[in-house]
Structure formats: C-alpha cells, structure tokens
Amino acid sequence: MEAVLEQGDVQFFFRPAVQPAEAKGAVSLAVQSFFLILSPAGGRRHRRLRIGKKRMPARRRDRFWARIERVGSLQRVLGHELEPEVYSTKTRGERYQPGARPVGHGSYQLVRHDDHVHLRYTVEPFDFTDAPDELKLADSGDHLVLFEARPRARATWTHEGNISSLDEEGYELVLVGACSATTTPGAEAVSA
C-alpha cells in the first residue's frame, strides 16, 4: 500500500562554474552546483536540496548524496543563489560567479511504499540551447530516499526515516536512482 506523505511544487536550478571576471559577457555554462527547491502544497516553508553529483540519479545503481541547505521562505532559500557575484582571490585574481539558472519546474510527491519512501516528480524542462552537456534532467523521476541513520550506527544510511527530518538544515540523505515508475492513482493522502 502507498501513502502520499507530502506533495507540492519542485523547481530545479544549476549554478554555472566560476569564471575569470573579464568573462562576464560570455559565460561558460559548466555546472558548478545543482539543486532543487521543494515547496510543499499549502505551506510557506520551502527547502533547498543540493545534489552532490550535479544532476539527478539516472540509473538504478546511482546513489547520490544530497543535503538540505536551507529551509524557510522562498526568499531565504533561493534569494542569494540567483544573484551573480564578483570577488577576488590571492592566486587567481578577480573572479565572477554567475547566478543560478532555472532548469525546469513541476510537481513532486514523497510517497511511503511499504517500509520505504520515494521521491517522485514530473517536470517540464526549460528549453535552452546553451545548456551544459553534463546537465541531464528527465521529464519524470522516482527515487528511493535513504535517510541518515540516527544515532549513527554501523550503517550510515537507512530506509527507515521520517520526512520531518527534511526540515532540518544540514540534514543529509541519499537518493537512489531510477526506481521503476509506478503510477499511484489510488494512493491515499496522509499528513506528515
């Protein structure tokens, strides 16, 4: 039996790689970082989830580390990521960090299935011609969520966890790639 624990809107972003300051006009679009914003329905709370591999898991064996970086209002979670930044370093001189760019938007569900939780999403990728080759975003995804084991036991990650942990800044989890997509027309909604 499946139960929808949470659902809402999802937005995917990437931040282009740092450039020499004189390259402001012609930005090279290598991926510096990749993150998504989970915005539960009916709430004011948003979460920024950074994905360690700079893309979503695609194959069944992919296991990608992720971290809840910010929780709060959309301005708090996303605000400074959208702004470009110029700064100086001793070794490389003046550097330019382009602002984050949206990749796609859609909807997501956190679904409990038997003894584990799935992150399922459907997304409409934005169509832009200068997207980096390494940036891959499927139209839909279904990923097993592994939670950080607490207290730290022999195993660091476990399928047993509570989605309320996703409201803790700094909380780490693992997304396991591309479970077989199943539709949930009869999934029962429950409160988290």
C-alpha atoms as a PDB file:
ATOM      1  CA  MET A   1       0.000   0.000   0.000  1.00  0.00           C
ATOM      2  CA  GLU A   2       1.171   3.504  -0.773  1.00  0.00           C
ATOM      3  CA  ALA A   3       0.511   6.732   1.095  1.00  0.00           C
ATOM      4  CA  VAL A   4       1.320  10.245  -0.123  1.00  0.00           C
ATOM      5  CA  LEU A   5       3.171  11.905   2.776  1.00  0.00           C
ATOM      6  CA  GLU A   6       3.740  15.245   1.062  1.00  0.00           C
ATOM      7  CA  GLN A   7       3.232  16.843  -2.324  1.00  0.00           C
ATOM      8  CA  GLY A   8       3.887  20.197  -3.891  1.00  0.00           C
ATOM      9  CA  ASP A   9       5.943  22.109  -6.443  1.00  0.00           C
ATOM     10  CA  VAL A  10       9.543  21.394  -7.401  1.00  0.00           C
ATOM     11  CA  GLN A  11      11.989  23.669  -9.219  1.00  0.00           C
ATOM     12  CA  PHE A  12      15.423  22.604 -10.495  1.00  0.00           C
ATOM     13  CA  PHE A  13      18.390  25.009 -10.796  1.00  0.00           C
ATOM     14  CA  PHE A  14      22.065  24.915 -11.663  1.00  0.00           C
ATOM     15  CA  ARG A  15      24.762  27.435 -10.912  1.00  0.00           C
ATOM     16  CA  PRO A  16      27.334  27.924 -13.718  1.00  0.00           C
ATOM     17  CA  ALA A  17      31.010  27.444 -12.888  1.00  0.00           C
ATOM     18  CA  VAL A  18      33.157  30.317 -11.627  1.00  0.00           C
ATOM     19  CA  GLN A  19      34.728  32.392 -14.433  1.00  0.00           C
ATOM     20  CA  PRO A  20      37.513  34.958 -14.693  1.00  0.00           C
ATOM     21  CA  ALA A  21      35.940  38.379 -14.046  1.00  0.00           C
ATOM     22  CA  GLU A  22      36.568  39.576 -17.610  1.00  0.00           C
ATOM     23  CA  ALA A  23      34.320  36.736 -18.899  1.00  0.00           C
ATOM     24  CA  LYS A  24      31.104  38.320 -17.538  1.00  0.00           C
ATOM     25  CA  GLY A  25      29.632  38.759 -21.013  1.00  0.00           C
ATOM     26  CA  ALA A  26      30.472  35.291 -22.377  1.00  0.00           C
ATOM     27  CA  VAL A  27      29.701  32.870 -19.554  1.00  0.00           C
ATOM     28  CA  SER A  28      30.836  29.259 -19.968  1.00  0.00           C
ATOM     29  CA  LEU A  29      27.996  27.061 -18.738  1.00  0.00           C
ATOM     30  CA  ALA A  30      29.823  24.259 -16.956  1.00  0.00           C
ATOM     31  CA  VAL A  31      27.893  23.172 -13.844  1.00  0.00           C
ATOM     32  CA  GLN A  32      29.264  24.442 -10.513  1.00  0.00           C
ATOM     33  CA  SER A  33      26.325  23.142  -8.463  1.00  0.00           C
ATOM     34  CA  PHE A  34      22.884  21.606  -8.910  1.00  0.00           C
ATOM     35  CA  PHE A  35      19.963  21.978  -6.523  1.00  0.00           C
ATOM     36  CA  LEU A  36      16.214  21.775  -6.294  1.00  0.00           C
ATOM     37  CA  ILE A  37      13.578  23.625  -4.307  1.00  0.00           C
ATOM     38  CA  LEU A  38      10.783  21.588  -2.704  1.00  0.00           C
ATOM     39  CA  SER A  39       7.717  23.712  -1.907  1.00  0.00           C
ATOM     40  CA  PRO A  40       5.045  21.657  -0.096  1.00  0.00           C
ATOM     41  CA  ALA A  41       1.442  22.448  -1.049  1.00  0.00           C
ATOM     42  CA  GLY A  42      -0.391  24.841   1.248  1.00  0.00           C
ATOM     43  CA  GLY A  43       2.678  25.939   3.162  1.00  0.00           C
ATOM     44  CA  ARG A  44       5.120  28.802   3.357  1.00  0.00           C
ATOM     45  CA  ARG A  45       8.074  26.527   4.038  1.00  0.00           C
ATOM     46  CA  HIS A  46      10.481  25.778   1.197  1.00  0.00           C
ATOM     47  CA  ARG A  47      13.580  23.560   1.173  1.00  0.00           C
ATOM     48  CA  ARG A  48      16.755  23.859  -0.895  1.00  0.00           C
ATOM     49  CA  LEU A  49      18.215  20.413  -1.540  1.00  0.00           C
ATOM     50  CA  ARG A  50      21.749  20.349  -3.027  1.00  0.00           C
ATOM     51  CA  ILE A  51      22.566  17.257  -5.107  1.00  0.00           C
ATOM     52  CA  GLY A  52      26.227  16.249  -4.873  1.00  0.00           C
ATOM     53  CA  LYS A  53      26.722  14.878  -8.407  1.00  0.00           C
ATOM     54  CA  LYS A  54      25.371  17.973 -10.212  1.00  0.00           C
ATOM     55  CA  ARG A  55      22.475  16.003 -11.754  1.00  0.00           C
ATOM     56  CA  MET A  56      19.687  13.646 -10.690  1.00  0.00           C
ATOM     57  CA  PRO A  57      20.392   9.891 -10.469  1.00  0.00           C
ATOM     58  CA  ALA A  58      19.530   8.211 -13.769  1.00  0.00           C
ATOM     59  CA  ARG A  59      20.416   4.515 -13.411  1.00  0.00           C
ATOM     60  CA  ARG A  60      19.141   2.060 -10.805  1.00  0.00           C
ATOM     61  CA  ARG A  61      22.567   1.765  -9.177  1.00  0.00           C
ATOM     62  CA  ASP A  62      23.201   5.512  -8.901  1.00  0.00           C
ATOM     63  CA  ARG A  63      23.369   6.671  -5.293  1.00  0.00           C
ATOM     64  CA  PHE A  64      23.717  10.419  -4.957  1.00  0.00           C
ATOM     65  CA  TRP A  65      24.363  12.270  -1.732  1.00  0.00           C
ATOM     66  CA  ALA A  66      22.091  15.240  -1.054  1.00  0.00           C
ATOM     67  CA  ARG A  67      21.887  17.847   1.703  1.00  0.00           C
ATOM     68  CA  ILE A  68      19.164  20.167   2.971  1.00  0.00           C
ATOM     69  CA  GLU A  69      20.911  23.539   2.745  1.00  0.00           C
ATOM     70  CA  ARG A  70      18.155  25.983   3.629  1.00  0.00           C
ATOM     71  CA  VAL A  71      14.609  25.859   4.975  1.00  0.00           C
ATOM     72  CA  GLY A  72      12.238  28.815   5.181  1.00  0.00           C
ATOM     73  CA  SER A  73      10.684  31.450   2.954  1.00  0.00           C
ATOM     74  CA  LEU A  74      11.379  31.315  -0.772  1.00  0.00           C
ATOM     75  CA  GLN A  75      13.460  34.499  -0.441  1.00  0.00           C
ATOM     76  CA  ARG A  76      15.632  32.930   2.285  1.00  0.00           C
ATOM     77  CA  VAL A  77      16.006  29.628   0.431  1.00  0.00           C
ATOM     78  CA  LEU A  78      16.671  30.968  -3.060  1.00  0.00           C
ATOM     79  CA  GLY A  79      17.492  34.688  -2.824  1.00  0.00           C
ATOM     80  CA  HIS A  80      21.286  34.895  -2.884  1.00  0.00           C
ATOM     81  CA  GLU A  81      21.655  31.937  -5.300  1.00  0.00           C
ATOM     82  CA  LEU A  82      20.105  33.939  -8.152  1.00  0.00           C
ATOM     83  CA  GLU A  83      22.500  36.876  -7.830  1.00  0.00           C
ATOM     84  CA  PRO A  84      25.839  36.915  -9.675  1.00  0.00           C
ATOM     85  CA  GLU A  85      28.887  37.652  -7.546  1.00  0.00           C
ATOM     86  CA  VAL A  86      32.312  39.193  -8.217  1.00  0.00           C
ATOM     87  CA  TYR A  87      35.104  38.514  -5.725  1.00  0.00           C
ATOM     88  CA  SER A  88      38.916  38.478  -5.543  1.00  0.00           C
ATOM     89  CA  THR A  89      41.320  35.682  -4.676  1.00  0.00           C
ATOM     90  CA  LYS A  90      45.060  35.920  -3.983  1.00  0.00           C
ATOM     91  CA  THR A  91      46.001  33.262  -6.536  1.00  0.00           C
ATOM     92  CA  ARG A  92      43.512  33.763  -9.388  1.00  0.00           C
ATOM     93  CA  GLY A  93      42.621  37.434  -9.113  1.00  0.00           C
ATOM     94  CA  GLU A  94      39.118  38.728  -9.690  1.00  0.00           C
ATOM     95  CA  ARG A  95      36.506  36.001 -10.276  1.00  0.00           C
ATOM     96  CA  TYR A  96      32.906  36.032 -11.487  1.00  0.00           C
ATOM     97  CA  GLN A  97      30.276  33.602 -10.140  1.00  0.00           C
ATOM     98  CA  PRO A  98      27.158  33.688 -12.366  1.00  0.00           C
ATOM     99  CA  GLY A  99      23.749  33.485 -10.698  1.00  0.00           C
ATOM    100  CA  ALA A 100      21.757  30.245 -10.640  1.00  0.00           C
ATOM    101  CA  ARG A 101      19.642  29.438 -13.686  1.00  0.00           C
ATOM    102  CA  PRO A 102      16.356  27.531 -13.673  1.00  0.00           C
ATOM    103  CA  VAL A 103      16.370  24.180 -15.458  1.00  0.00           C
ATOM    104  CA  GLY A 104      12.762  23.070 -15.032  1.00  0.00           C
ATOM    105  CA  HIS A 105       9.684  23.119 -12.831  1.00  0.00           C
ATOM    106  CA  GLY A 106       6.936  20.672 -11.973  1.00  0.00           C
ATOM    107  CA  SER A 107       5.377  18.757  -9.111  1.00  0.00           C
ATOM    108  CA  TYR A 108       6.632  16.187  -6.617  1.00  0.00           C
ATOM    109  CA  GLN A 109       5.362  13.658  -4.098  1.00  0.00           C
ATOM    110  CA  LEU A 110       7.024  11.985  -1.143  1.00  0.00           C
ATOM    111  CA  VAL A 111       5.334   8.581  -1.033  1.00  0.00           C
ATOM    112  CA  ARG A 112       5.625   5.859   1.616  1.00  0.00           C
ATOM    113  CA  HIS A 113       5.621   2.442  -0.026  1.00  0.00           C
ATOM    114  CA  ASP A 114       5.747  -0.461   2.451  1.00  0.00           C
ATOM    115  CA  ASP A 115       8.797   0.307   4.640  1.00  0.00           C
ATOM    116  CA  HIS A 116      10.491   2.968   2.498  1.00  0.00           C
ATOM    117  CA  VAL A 117       9.940   6.424   0.980  1.00  0.00           C
ATOM    118  CA  HIS A 118      10.114   7.508  -2.667  1.00  0.00           C
ATOM    119  CA  LEU A 119      10.655  10.979  -4.115  1.00  0.00           C
ATOM    120  CA  ARG A 120       8.603  11.114  -7.315  1.00  0.00           C
ATOM    121  CA  TYR A 121       8.448  14.077  -9.632  1.00  0.00           C
ATOM    122  CA  THR A 122       7.309  15.176 -13.049  1.00  0.00           C
ATOM    123  CA  VAL A 123       8.970  18.208 -14.552  1.00  0.00           C
ATOM    124  CA  GLU A 124       8.823  20.401 -17.620  1.00  0.00           C
ATOM    125  CA  PRO A 125      12.449  21.132 -18.517  1.00  0.00           C
ATOM    126  CA  PHE A 126      13.110  24.618 -19.853  1.00  0.00           C
ATOM    127  CA  ASP A 127      14.263  24.558 -23.445  1.00  0.00           C
ATOM    128  CA  PHE A 128      17.506  26.476 -23.785  1.00  0.00           C
ATOM    129  CA  THR A 129      20.156  25.793 -26.394  1.00  0.00           C
ATOM    130  CA  ASP A 130      23.265  26.592 -24.334  1.00  0.00           C
ATOM    131  CA  ALA A 131      22.563  24.027 -21.573  1.00  0.00           C
ATOM    132  CA  PRO A 132      25.694  22.181 -20.397  1.00  0.00           C
ATOM    133  CA  ASP A 133      26.026  18.598 -21.678  1.00  0.00           C
ATOM    134  CA  GLU A 134      26.544  17.262 -18.145  1.00  0.00           C
ATOM    135  CA  LEU A 135      23.166  18.619 -17.037  1.00  0.00           C
ATOM    136  CA  LYS A 136      20.592  15.868 -17.502  1.00  0.00           C
ATOM    137  CA  LEU A 137      17.038  16.204 -16.240  1.00  0.00           C
ATOM    138  CA  ALA A 138      14.440  13.590 -17.141  1.00  0.00           C
ATOM    139  CA  ASP A 139      10.773  14.523 -17.554  1.00  0.00           C
ATOM    140  CA  SER A 140       9.979  12.362 -14.519  1.00  0.00           C
ATOM    141  CA  GLY A 141      11.785  10.520 -11.770  1.00  0.00           C
ATOM    142  CA  ASP A 142      11.152   8.018  -8.992  1.00  0.00           C
ATOM    143  CA  HIS A 143      13.958   7.765  -6.439  1.00  0.00           C
ATOM    144  CA  LEU A 144      14.266   5.771  -3.244  1.00  0.00           C
ATOM    145  CA  VAL A 145      15.173   8.045  -0.310  1.00  0.00           C
ATOM    146  CA  LEU A 146      17.739   6.776   2.201  1.00  0.00           C
ATOM    147  CA  PHE A 147      17.767   8.688   5.485  1.00  0.00           C
ATOM    148  CA  GLU A 148      20.731   9.383   7.727  1.00  0.00           C
ATOM    149  CA  ALA A 149      20.838   6.718  10.474  1.00  0.00           C
ATOM    150  CA  ARG A 150      20.376   8.220  13.951  1.00  0.00           C
ATOM    151  CA  PRO A 151      22.098   7.621  16.199  1.00  0.00           C
ATOM    152  CA  ARG A 152      24.980   6.809  13.894  1.00  0.00           C
ATOM    153  CA  ALA A 153      25.047   3.053  13.885  1.00  0.00           C
ATOM    154  CA  ARG A 154      27.061   0.622  11.845  1.00  0.00           C
ATOM    155  CA  ALA A 155      25.117   1.578   8.718  1.00  0.00           C
ATOM    156  CA  THR A 156      25.197   5.281   7.870  1.00  0.00           C
ATOM    157  CA  TRP A 157      22.036   5.228   5.713  1.00  0.00           C
ATOM    158  CA  THR A 158      18.688   3.555   6.259  1.00  0.00           C
ATOM    159  CA  HIS A 159      15.321   3.400   4.504  1.00  0.00           C
ATOM    160  CA  GLU A 160      13.683   3.989   7.896  1.00  0.00           C
ATOM    161  CA  GLY A 161      13.168   7.677   8.434  1.00  0.00           C
ATOM    162  CA  ASN A 162      10.687  10.464   8.860  1.00  0.00           C
ATOM    163  CA  ILE A 163      10.190  13.184   6.256  1.00  0.00           C
ATOM    164  CA  SER A 164      10.079  15.783   9.049  1.00  0.00           C
ATOM    165  CA  SER A 165      13.894  15.400   9.034  1.00  0.00           C
ATOM    166  CA  LEU A 166      13.837  17.236   5.699  1.00  0.00           C
ATOM    167  CA  ASP A 167      13.009  20.419   7.626  1.00  0.00           C
ATOM    168  CA  GLU A 168      16.420  20.356   9.377  1.00  0.00           C
ATOM    169  CA  GLU A 169      19.134  22.438   7.732  1.00  0.00           C
ATOM    170  CA  GLY A 170      22.250  20.329   7.256  1.00  0.00           C
ATOM    171  CA  TYR A 171      20.329  17.037   7.168  1.00  0.00           C
ATOM    172  CA  GLU A 172      21.875  14.577   4.712  1.00  0.00           C
ATOM    173  CA  LEU A 173      20.224  11.868   2.655  1.00  0.00           C
ATOM    174  CA  VAL A 174      20.919   9.650  -0.345  1.00  0.00           C
ATOM    175  CA  LEU A 175      18.779   9.435  -3.483  1.00  0.00           C
ATOM    176  CA  VAL A 176      18.907   6.038  -5.171  1.00  0.00           C
ATOM    177  CA  GLY A 177      18.403   6.265  -8.905  1.00  0.00           C
ATOM    178  CA  ALA A 178      15.537   5.493 -11.181  1.00  0.00           C
ATOM    179  CA  CYS A 179      13.216   3.069  -9.473  1.00  0.00           C
ATOM    180  CA  SER A 180      10.649   1.698 -11.877  1.00  0.00           C
ATOM    181  CA  ALA A 181       7.997   4.345 -12.326  1.00  0.00           C
ATOM    182  CA  THR A 182       4.640   3.327 -10.989  1.00  0.00           C
ATOM    183  CA  THR A 183       1.502   5.370 -11.088  1.00  0.00           C
ATOM    184  CA  THR A 184      -0.335   5.996  -7.865  1.00  0.00           C
ATOM    185  CA  PRO A 185      -3.938   6.681  -8.842  1.00  0.00           C
ATOM    186  CA  GLY A 186      -5.249   5.169  -5.607  1.00  0.00           C
ATOM    187  CA  ALA A 187      -2.552   6.492  -3.283  1.00  0.00           C
ATOM    188  CA  GLU A 188      -4.028   7.571  -0.003  1.00  0.00           C
ATOM    189  CA  ALA A 189      -3.021  11.025   1.291  1.00  0.00           C
ATOM    190  CA  VAL A 190      -1.870  11.203   4.908  1.00  0.00           C
ATOM    191  CA  SER A 191      -0.485  14.090   6.917  1.00  0.00           C
ATOM    192  CA  ALA A 192       3.243  14.165   7.611  1.00  0.00           C
END
